Amino acid sequence: PVLQAADILLYKGNVVPVGEDQIPHVEITREIAR
């Protein structure tokens, strides 16, 4: 999930389309960005 956070934030993604089961990964990304 940390590598996924790097994937998203490297391109400064604002929106992440996910199913409900992937919400925890987005939250980890948000925590790391914060």
PDB file of all heavy atoms in Angstrom:
ATOM      1  N   PRO A   1       0.817  -1.225   0.000  1.00  0.00           N
ATOM      2  CA  PRO A   1       0.000   0.000   0.000  1.00  0.00           C
ATOM      3  C   PRO A   1       0.849   1.273   0.000  1.00  0.00           C
ATOM      4  O   PRO A   1       0.396   2.317  -0.469  1.00  0.00           O
ATOM      5  CB  PRO A   1      -0.811  -0.122   1.302  1.00  0.00           C
ATOM      6  CG  PRO A   1      -0.839  -1.575   1.609  1.00  0.00           C
ATOM      7  CD  PRO A   1       0.502  -2.075   1.165  1.00  0.00           C
ATOM      8  N   VAL A   2       2.087   1.179   0.519  1.00  0.00           N
ATOM      9  CA  VAL A   2       2.984   2.338   0.493  1.00  0.00           C
ATOM     10  C   VAL A   2       3.464   2.583  -0.938  1.00  0.00           C
ATOM     11  O   VAL A   2       3.563   3.731  -1.389  1.00  0.00           O
ATOM     12  CB  VAL A   2       4.181   2.125   1.434  1.00  0.00           C
ATOM     13  CG1 VAL A   2       5.056   3.370   1.481  1.00  0.00           C
ATOM     14  CG2 VAL A   2       3.697   1.766   2.842  1.00  0.00           C
ATOM     15  N   LEU A   3       3.739   1.513  -1.671  1.00  0.00           N
ATOM     16  CA  LEU A   3       4.105   1.660  -3.077  1.00  0.00           C
ATOM     17  C   LEU A   3       2.925   2.212  -3.869  1.00  0.00           C
ATOM     18  O   LEU A   3       3.105   3.050  -4.749  1.00  0.00           O
ATOM     19  CB  LEU A   3       4.561   0.313  -3.656  1.00  0.00           C
ATOM     20  CG  LEU A   3       4.991   0.308  -5.129  1.00  0.00           C
ATOM     21  CD1 LEU A   3       6.068   1.354  -5.401  1.00  0.00           C
ATOM     22  CD2 LEU A   3       5.477  -1.082  -5.538  1.00  0.00           C
ATOM     23  N   GLN A   4       1.719   1.771  -3.536  1.00  0.00           N
ATOM     24  CA  GLN A   4       0.543   2.335  -4.196  1.00  0.00           C
ATOM     25  C   GLN A   4       0.409   3.825  -3.901  1.00  0.00           C
ATOM     26  O   GLN A   4       0.030   4.607  -4.788  1.00  0.00           O
ATOM     27  CB  GLN A   4      -0.723   1.592  -3.747  1.00  0.00           C
ATOM     28  CG  GLN A   4      -0.855   0.204  -4.344  1.00  0.00           C
ATOM     29  CD  GLN A   4      -2.160  -0.459  -3.972  1.00  0.00           C
ATOM     30  OE1 GLN A   4      -2.716  -0.208  -2.906  1.00  0.00           O
ATOM     31  NE2 GLN A   4      -2.658  -1.316  -4.841  1.00  0.00           N
ATOM     32  N   ALA A   5       0.708   4.207  -2.668  1.00  0.00           N
ATOM     33  CA  ALA A   5       0.670   5.628  -2.326  1.00  0.00           C
ATOM     34  C   ALA A   5       1.673   6.408  -3.169  1.00  0.00           C
ATOM     35  O   ALA A   5       1.374   7.503  -3.661  1.00  0.00           O
ATOM     36  CB  ALA A   5       0.968   5.808  -0.837  1.00  0.00           C
ATOM     37  N   ALA A   6       2.871   5.835  -3.352  1.00  0.00           N
ATOM     38  CA  ALA A   6       3.871   6.487  -4.196  1.00  0.00           C
ATOM     39  C   ALA A   6       3.378   6.577  -5.638  1.00  0.00           C
ATOM     40  O   ALA A   6       3.568   7.605  -6.306  1.00  0.00           O
ATOM     41  CB  ALA A   6       5.191   5.720  -4.122  1.00  0.00           C
ATOM     42  N   ASP A   7       2.740   5.517  -6.121  1.00  0.00           N
ATOM     43  CA  ASP A   7       2.206   5.521  -7.486  1.00  0.00           C
ATOM     44  C   ASP A   7       1.229   6.675  -7.686  1.00  0.00           C
ATOM     45  O   ASP A   7       1.282   7.396  -8.685  1.00  0.00           O
ATOM     46  CB  ASP A   7       1.471   4.209  -7.773  1.00  0.00           C
ATOM     47  CG  ASP A   7       2.371   2.988  -7.719  1.00  0.00           C
ATOM     48  OD1 ASP A   7       3.596   3.144  -7.894  1.00  0.00           O
ATOM     49  OD2 ASP A   7       1.845   1.883  -7.507  1.00  0.00           O
ATOM     50  N   ILE A   8       0.325   6.833  -6.730  1.00  0.00           N
ATOM     51  CA  ILE A   8      -0.735   7.849  -6.844  1.00  0.00           C
ATOM     52  C   ILE A   8      -0.167   9.261  -6.665  1.00  0.00           C
ATOM     53  O   ILE A   8      -0.433  10.165  -7.469  1.00  0.00           O
ATOM     54  CB  ILE A   8      -1.834   7.586  -5.800  1.00  0.00           C
ATOM     55  CG1 ILE A   8      -2.537   6.259  -6.089  1.00  0.00           C
ATOM     56  CG2 ILE A   8      -2.854   8.732  -5.784  1.00  0.00           C
ATOM     57  CD1 ILE A   8      -3.389   5.747  -4.936  1.00  0.00           C
ATOM     58  N   LEU A   9       0.630   9.438  -5.623  1.00  0.00           N
ATOM     59  CA  LEU A   9       1.067  10.786  -5.263  1.00  0.00           C
ATOM     60  C   LEU A   9       2.196  11.297  -6.141  1.00  0.00           C
ATOM     61  O   LEU A   9       2.384  12.510  -6.264  1.00  0.00           O
ATOM     62  CB  LEU A   9       1.476  10.814  -3.793  1.00  0.00           C
ATOM     63  CG  LEU A   9       0.324  10.547  -2.814  1.00  0.00           C
ATOM     64  CD1 LEU A   9       0.834  10.510  -1.383  1.00  0.00           C
ATOM     65  CD2 LEU A   9      -0.769  11.602  -2.960  1.00  0.00           C
ATOM     66  N   LEU A  10       2.931  10.390  -6.767  1.00  0.00           N
ATOM     67  CA  LEU A  10       3.976  10.821  -7.695  1.00  0.00           C
ATOM     68  C   LEU A  10       3.377  11.656  -8.830  1.00  0.00           C
ATOM     69  O   LEU A  10       4.014  12.574  -9.351  1.00  0.00           O
ATOM     70  CB  LEU A  10       4.701   9.596  -8.264  1.00  0.00           C
ATOM     71  CG  LEU A  10       6.015   9.804  -9.002  1.00  0.00           C
ATOM     72  CD1 LEU A  10       7.021  10.574  -8.157  1.00  0.00           C
ATOM     73  CD2 LEU A  10       6.594   8.462  -9.420  1.00  0.00           C
ATOM     74  N   TYR A  11       2.130  11.355  -9.192  1.00  0.00           N
ATOM     75  CA  TYR A  11       1.436  12.097 -10.254  1.00  0.00           C
ATOM     76  C   TYR A  11       0.382  13.037  -9.670  1.00  0.00           C
ATOM     77  O   TYR A  11      -0.440  13.579 -10.396  1.00  0.00           O
ATOM     78  CB  TYR A  11       0.828  11.102 -11.259  1.00  0.00           C
ATOM     79  CG  TYR A  11       1.902  10.201 -11.809  1.00  0.00           C
ATOM     80  CD1 TYR A  11       2.192   8.983 -11.178  1.00  0.00           C
ATOM     81  CD2 TYR A  11       2.701  10.593 -12.868  1.00  0.00           C
ATOM     82  CE1 TYR A  11       3.233   8.181 -11.618  1.00  0.00           C
ATOM     83  CE2 TYR A  11       3.742   9.800 -13.315  1.00  0.00           C
ATOM     84  CZ  TYR A  11       4.007   8.597 -12.682  1.00  0.00           C
ATOM     85  OH  TYR A  11       5.053   7.807 -13.106  1.00  0.00           O
ATOM     86  N   LYS A  12       0.417  13.172  -8.336  1.00  0.00           N
ATOM     87  CA  LYS A  12      -0.486  14.065  -7.615  1.00  0.00           C
ATOM     88  C   LYS A  12      -1.940  13.771  -7.943  1.00  0.00           C
ATOM     89  O   LYS A  12      -2.726  14.673  -8.280  1.00  0.00           O
ATOM     90  CB  LYS A  12      -0.129  15.526  -7.882  1.00  0.00           C
ATOM     91  CG  LYS A  12       1.287  15.875  -7.419  1.00  0.00           C
ATOM     92  CD  LYS A  12       1.522  17.368  -7.336  1.00  0.00           C
ATOM     93  CE  LYS A  12       2.904  17.670  -6.786  1.00  0.00           C
ATOM     94  NZ  LYS A  12       3.145  19.101  -6.577  1.00  0.00           N
ATOM     95  N   GLY A  13      -2.280  12.490  -7.837  1.00  0.00           N
ATOM     96  CA  GLY A  13      -3.661  12.093  -8.091  1.00  0.00           C
ATOM     97  C   GLY A  13      -4.607  12.701  -7.077  1.00  0.00           C
ATOM     98  O   GLY A  13      -4.362  12.639  -5.874  1.00  0.00           O
ATOM     99  N   ASN A  14      -5.681  13.305  -7.575  1.00  0.00           N
ATOM    100  CA  ASN A  14      -6.692  13.897  -6.705  1.00  0.00           C
ATOM    101  C   ASN A  14      -7.828  12.930  -6.410  1.00  0.00           C
ATOM    102  O   ASN A  14      -8.479  13.017  -5.369  1.00  0.00           O
ATOM    103  CB  ASN A  14      -7.307  15.148  -7.350  1.00  0.00           C
ATOM    104  CG  ASN A  14      -6.273  16.144  -7.797  1.00  0.00           C
ATOM    105  OD1 ASN A  14      -5.955  16.222  -8.987  1.00  0.00           O
ATOM    106  ND2 ASN A  14      -5.739  16.921  -6.870  1.00  0.00           N
ATOM    107  N   VAL A  15      -8.066  12.031  -7.368  1.00  0.00           N
ATOM    108  CA  VAL A  15      -9.208  11.135  -7.289  1.00  0.00           C
ATOM    109  C   VAL A  15      -8.733   9.711  -7.556  1.00  0.00           C
ATOM    110  O   VAL A  15      -7.938   9.476  -8.479  1.00  0.00           O
ATOM    111  CB  VAL A  15     -10.302  11.519  -8.319  1.00  0.00           C
ATOM    112  CG1 VAL A  15     -11.459  10.546  -8.282  1.00  0.00           C
ATOM    113  CG2 VAL A  15     -10.788  12.941  -8.072  1.00  0.00           C
ATOM    114  N   VAL A  16      -9.201   8.765  -6.743  1.00  0.00           N
ATOM    115  CA  VAL A  16      -8.834   7.369  -6.922  1.00  0.00           C
ATOM    116  C   VAL A  16     -10.112   6.545  -7.063  1.00  0.00           C
ATOM    117  O   VAL A  16     -10.845   6.352  -6.093  1.00  0.00           O
ATOM    118  CB  VAL A  16      -8.020   6.838  -5.721  1.00  0.00           C
ATOM    119  CG1 VAL A  16      -7.553   5.411  -5.990  1.00  0.00           C
ATOM    120  CG2 VAL A  16      -6.826   7.737  -5.437  1.00  0.00           C
ATOM    121  N   PRO A  17     -10.425   6.079  -8.277  1.00  0.00           N
ATOM    122  CA  PRO A  17     -11.619   5.247  -8.449  1.00  0.00           C
ATOM    123  C   PRO A  17     -11.381   3.847  -7.900  1.00  0.00           C
ATOM    124  O   PRO A  17     -10.475   3.146  -8.337  1.00  0.00           O
ATOM    125  CB  PRO A  17     -11.818   5.226  -9.972  1.00  0.00           C
ATOM    126  CG  PRO A  17     -10.459   5.492 -10.540  1.00  0.00           C
ATOM    127  CD  PRO A  17      -9.718   6.325  -9.541  1.00  0.00           C
ATOM    128  N   VAL A  18     -12.161   3.458  -6.898  1.00  0.00           N
ATOM    129  CA  VAL A  18     -11.954   2.171  -6.238  1.00  0.00           C
ATOM    130  C   VAL A  18     -13.283   1.542  -5.854  1.00  0.00           C
ATOM    131  O   VAL A  18     -14.304   2.215  -5.736  1.00  0.00           O
ATOM    132  CB  VAL A  18     -11.105   2.321  -4.946  1.00  0.00           C
ATOM    133  CG1 VAL A  18      -9.683   2.705  -5.255  1.00  0.00           C
ATOM    134  CG2 VAL A  18     -11.744   3.324  -3.996  1.00  0.00           C
ATOM    135  N   GLY A  19     -13.239   0.241  -5.647  1.00  0.00           N
ATOM    136  CA  GLY A  19     -14.336  -0.442  -5.006  1.00  0.00           C
ATOM    137  C   GLY A  19     -14.206  -0.276  -3.505  1.00  0.00           C
ATOM    138  O   GLY A  19     -13.158   0.142  -2.994  1.00  0.00           O
ATOM    139  N   GLU A  20     -15.248  -0.612  -2.777  1.00  0.00           N
ATOM    140  CA  GLU A  20     -15.241  -0.390  -1.336  1.00  0.00           C
ATOM    141  C   GLU A  20     -14.115  -1.156  -0.643  1.00  0.00           C
ATOM    142  O   GLU A  20     -13.587  -0.708   0.388  1.00  0.00           O
ATOM    143  CB  GLU A  20     -16.593  -0.775  -0.742  1.00  0.00           C
ATOM    144  CG  GLU A  20     -17.706   0.188  -1.129  1.00  0.00           C
ATOM    145  CD  GLU A  20     -18.991  -0.086  -0.381  1.00  0.00           C
ATOM    146  OE1 GLU A  20     -18.953  -0.861   0.589  1.00  0.00           O
ATOM    147  OE2 GLU A  20     -20.027   0.479  -0.768  1.00  0.00           O
ATOM    148  N   ASP A  21     -13.715  -2.301  -1.207  1.00  0.00           N
ATOM    149  CA  ASP A  21     -12.669  -3.101  -0.559  1.00  0.00           C
ATOM    150  C   ASP A  21     -11.302  -2.436  -0.622  1.00  0.00           C
ATOM    151  O   ASP A  21     -10.382  -2.818   0.104  1.00  0.00           O
ATOM    152  CB  ASP A  21     -12.603  -4.499  -1.183  1.00  0.00           C
ATOM    153  CG  ASP A  21     -12.266  -4.457  -2.671  1.00  0.00           C
ATOM    154  OD1 ASP A  21     -12.668  -3.479  -3.346  1.00  0.00           O
ATOM    155  OD2 ASP A  21     -11.620  -5.385  -3.171  1.00  0.00           O
ATOM    156  N   GLN A  22     -11.149  -1.419  -1.488  1.00  0.00           N
ATOM    157  CA  GLN A  22      -9.863  -0.743  -1.625  1.00  0.00           C
ATOM    158  C   GLN A  22      -9.790   0.578  -0.855  1.00  0.00           C
ATOM    159  O   GLN A  22      -8.760   1.256  -0.872  1.00  0.00           O
ATOM    160  CB  GLN A  22      -9.572  -0.476  -3.107  1.00  0.00           C
ATOM    161  CG  GLN A  22      -9.331  -1.730  -3.913  1.00  0.00           C
ATOM    162  CD  GLN A  22      -8.040  -2.417  -3.522  1.00  0.00           C
ATOM    163  OE1 GLN A  22      -6.994  -1.786  -3.444  1.00  0.00           O
ATOM    164  NE2 GLN A  22      -8.097  -3.713  -3.272  1.00  0.00           N
ATOM    165  N   ILE A  23     -10.864   0.927  -0.164  1.00  0.00           N
ATOM    166  CA  ILE A  23     -10.882   2.166   0.605  1.00  0.00           C
ATOM    167  C   ILE A  23      -9.730   2.235   1.620  1.00  0.00           C
ATOM    168  O   ILE A  23      -9.104   3.287   1.788  1.00  0.00           O
ATOM    169  CB  ILE A  23     -12.237   2.342   1.313  1.00  0.00           C
ATOM    170  CG1 ILE A  23     -13.333   2.658   0.289  1.00  0.00           C
ATOM    171  CG2 ILE A  23     -12.177   3.464   2.349  1.00  0.00           C
ATOM    172  CD1 ILE A  23     -13.181   3.993  -0.383  1.00  0.00           C
ATOM    173  N   PRO A  24      -9.400   1.127   2.314  1.00  0.00           N
ATOM    174  CA  PRO A  24      -8.287   1.204   3.270  1.00  0.00           C
ATOM    175  C   PRO A  24      -6.969   1.639   2.639  1.00  0.00           C
ATOM    176  O   PRO A  24      -6.162   2.321   3.280  1.00  0.00           O
ATOM    177  CB  PRO A  24      -8.192  -0.229   3.817  1.00  0.00           C
ATOM    178  CG  PRO A  24      -9.569  -0.783   3.675  1.00  0.00           C
ATOM    179  CD  PRO A  24     -10.085  -0.188   2.393  1.00  0.00           C
ATOM    180  N   HIS A  25      -6.741   1.276   1.370  1.00  0.00           N
ATOM    181  CA  HIS A  25      -5.510   1.681   0.696  1.00  0.00           C
ATOM    182  C   HIS A  25      -5.491   3.183   0.444  1.00  0.00           C
ATOM    183  O   HIS A  25      -4.449   3.834   0.590  1.00  0.00           O
ATOM    184  CB  HIS A  25      -5.367   0.945  -0.634  1.00  0.00           C
ATOM    185  CG  HIS A  25      -5.057  -0.504  -0.474  1.00  0.00           C
ATOM    186  ND1 HIS A  25      -4.954  -1.369  -1.536  1.00  0.00           N
ATOM    187  CD2 HIS A  25      -4.825  -1.255   0.625  1.00  0.00           C
ATOM    188  CE1 HIS A  25      -4.679  -2.580  -1.099  1.00  0.00           C
ATOM    189  NE2 HIS A  25      -4.605  -2.531   0.214  1.00  0.00           N
ATOM    190  N   VAL A  26      -6.627   3.722   0.059  1.00  0.00           N
ATOM    191  CA  VAL A  26      -6.690   5.162  -0.179  1.00  0.00           C
ATOM    192  C   VAL A  26      -6.467   5.916   1.122  1.00  0.00           C
ATOM    193  O   VAL A  26      -5.810   6.965   1.146  1.00  0.00           O
ATOM    194  CB  VAL A  26      -8.039   5.554  -0.815  1.00  0.00           C
ATOM    195  CG1 VAL A  26      -8.075   7.053  -1.097  1.00  0.00           C
ATOM    196  CG2 VAL A  26      -8.270   4.786  -2.111  1.00  0.00           C
ATOM    197  N   GLU A  27      -6.986   5.382   2.212  1.00  0.00           N
ATOM    198  CA  GLU A  27      -6.801   6.038   3.506  1.00  0.00           C
ATOM    199  C   GLU A  27      -5.327   6.056   3.910  1.00  0.00           C
ATOM    200  O   GLU A  27      -4.831   7.054   4.446  1.00  0.00           O
ATOM    201  CB  GLU A  27      -7.629   5.340   4.579  1.00  0.00           C
ATOM    202  CG  GLU A  27      -7.599   6.050   5.928  1.00  0.00           C
ATOM    203  CD  GLU A  27      -7.968   7.522   5.846  1.00  0.00           C
ATOM    204  OE1 GLU A  27      -8.904   7.878   5.085  1.00  0.00           O
ATOM    205  OE2 GLU A  27      -7.303   8.335   6.520  1.00  0.00           O
ATOM    206  N   ILE A  28      -4.611   4.970   3.610  1.00  0.00           N
ATOM    207  CA  ILE A  28      -3.169   4.950   3.886  1.00  0.00           C
ATOM    208  C   ILE A  28      -2.460   6.008   3.046  1.00  0.00           C
ATOM    209  O   ILE A  28      -1.568   6.718   3.529  1.00  0.00           O
ATOM    210  CB  ILE A  28      -2.585   3.540   3.621  1.00  0.00           C
ATOM    211  CG1 ILE A  28      -3.046   2.569   4.714  1.00  0.00           C
ATOM    212  CG2 ILE A  28      -1.056   3.579   3.563  1.00  0.00           C
ATOM    213  CD1 ILE A  28      -2.646   1.125   4.469  1.00  0.00           C
ATOM    214  N   THR A  29      -2.862   6.130   1.786  1.00  0.00           N
ATOM    215  CA  THR A  29      -2.281   7.164   0.917  1.00  0.00           C
ATOM    216  C   THR A  29      -2.536   8.555   1.487  1.00  0.00           C
ATOM    217  O   THR A  29      -1.637   9.406   1.513  1.00  0.00           O
ATOM    218  CB  THR A  29      -2.866   7.065  -0.499  1.00  0.00           C
ATOM    219  OG1 THR A  29      -2.545   5.787  -1.062  1.00  0.00           O
ATOM    220  CG2 THR A  29      -2.320   8.155  -1.408  1.00  0.00           C
ATOM    221  N   ARG A  30      -3.736   8.792   1.958  1.00  0.00           N
ATOM    222  CA  ARG A  30      -4.083  10.097   2.538  1.00  0.00           C
ATOM    223  C   ARG A  30      -3.251  10.372   3.793  1.00  0.00           C
ATOM    224  O   ARG A  30      -2.775  11.492   4.005  1.00  0.00           O
ATOM    225  CB  ARG A  30      -5.575  10.145   2.864  1.00  0.00           C
ATOM    226  CG  ARG A  30      -6.470  10.217   1.625  1.00  0.00           C
ATOM    227  CD  ARG A  30      -7.952  10.041   1.977  1.00  0.00           C
ATOM    228  NE  ARG A  30      -8.392  11.004   2.980  1.00  0.00           N
ATOM    229  CZ  ARG A  30      -8.768  12.244   2.708  1.00  0.00           C
ATOM    230  NH1 ARG A  30      -8.749  12.683   1.456  1.00  0.00           N
ATOM    231  NH2 ARG A  30      -9.179  13.061   3.661  1.00  0.00           N
ATOM    232  N   GLU A  31      -3.078   9.346   4.617  1.00  0.00           N
ATOM    233  CA  GLU A  31      -2.292   9.509   5.841  1.00  0.00           C
ATOM    234  C   GLU A  31      -0.836   9.868   5.522  1.00  0.00           C
ATOM    235  O   GLU A  31      -0.242  10.744   6.163  1.00  0.00           O
ATOM    236  CB  GLU A  31      -2.329   8.222   6.661  1.00  0.00           C
ATOM    237  CG  GLU A  31      -3.672   7.939   7.308  1.00  0.00           C
ATOM    238  CD  GLU A  31      -3.690   6.598   8.010  1.00  0.00           C
ATOM    239  OE1 GLU A  31      -2.590   6.044   8.279  1.00  0.00           O
ATOM    240  OE2 GLU A  31      -4.786   6.087   8.294  1.00  0.00           O
ATOM    241  N   ILE A  32      -0.291   9.177   4.521  1.00  0.00           N
ATOM    242  CA  ILE A  32       1.102   9.437   4.144  1.00  0.00           C
ATOM    243  C   ILE A  32       1.251  10.849   3.576  1.00  0.00           C
ATOM    244  O   ILE A  32       2.201  11.578   3.906  1.00  0.00           O
ATOM    245  CB  ILE A  32       1.587   8.375   3.140  1.00  0.00           C
ATOM    246  CG1 ILE A  32       1.758   7.023   3.852  1.00  0.00           C
ATOM    247  CG2 ILE A  32       2.895   8.805   2.476  1.00  0.00           C
ATOM    248  CD1 ILE A  32       2.090   5.869   2.928  1.00  0.00           C
ATOM    249  N   ALA A  33       0.317  11.253   2.710  1.00  0.00           N
ATOM    250  CA  ALA A  33       0.370  12.606   2.146  1.00  0.00           C
ATOM    251  C   ALA A  33       0.293  13.651   3.252  1.00  0.00           C
ATOM    252  O   ALA A  33       1.049  14.646   3.255  1.00  0.00           O
ATOM    253  CB  ALA A  33      -0.775  12.805   1.151  1.00  0.00           C
ATOM    254  N   ARG A  34      -0.615  13.422   4.191  1.00  0.00           N
ATOM    255  CA  ARG A  34      -0.805  14.372   5.298  1.00  0.00           C
ATOM    256  C   ARG A  34       0.457  14.474   6.164  1.00  0.00           C
ATOM    257  O   ARG A  34       0.884  15.570   6.542  1.00  0.00           O
ATOM    258  CB  ARG A  34      -2.007  13.909   6.131  1.00  0.00           C
ATOM    259  CG  ARG A  34      -2.528  14.923   7.113  1.00  0.00           C
ATOM    260  CD  ARG A  34      -3.985  14.653   7.461  1.00  0.00           C
ATOM    261  NE  ARG A  34      -4.220  13.284   7.901  1.00  0.00           N
ATOM    262  CZ  ARG A  34      -5.020  12.417   7.271  1.00  0.00           C
ATOM    263  NH1 ARG A  34      -5.643  12.765   6.160  1.00  0.00           N
ATOM    264  NH2 ARG A  34      -5.203  11.198   7.748  1.00  0.00           N
TER     265      ARG A  34
END
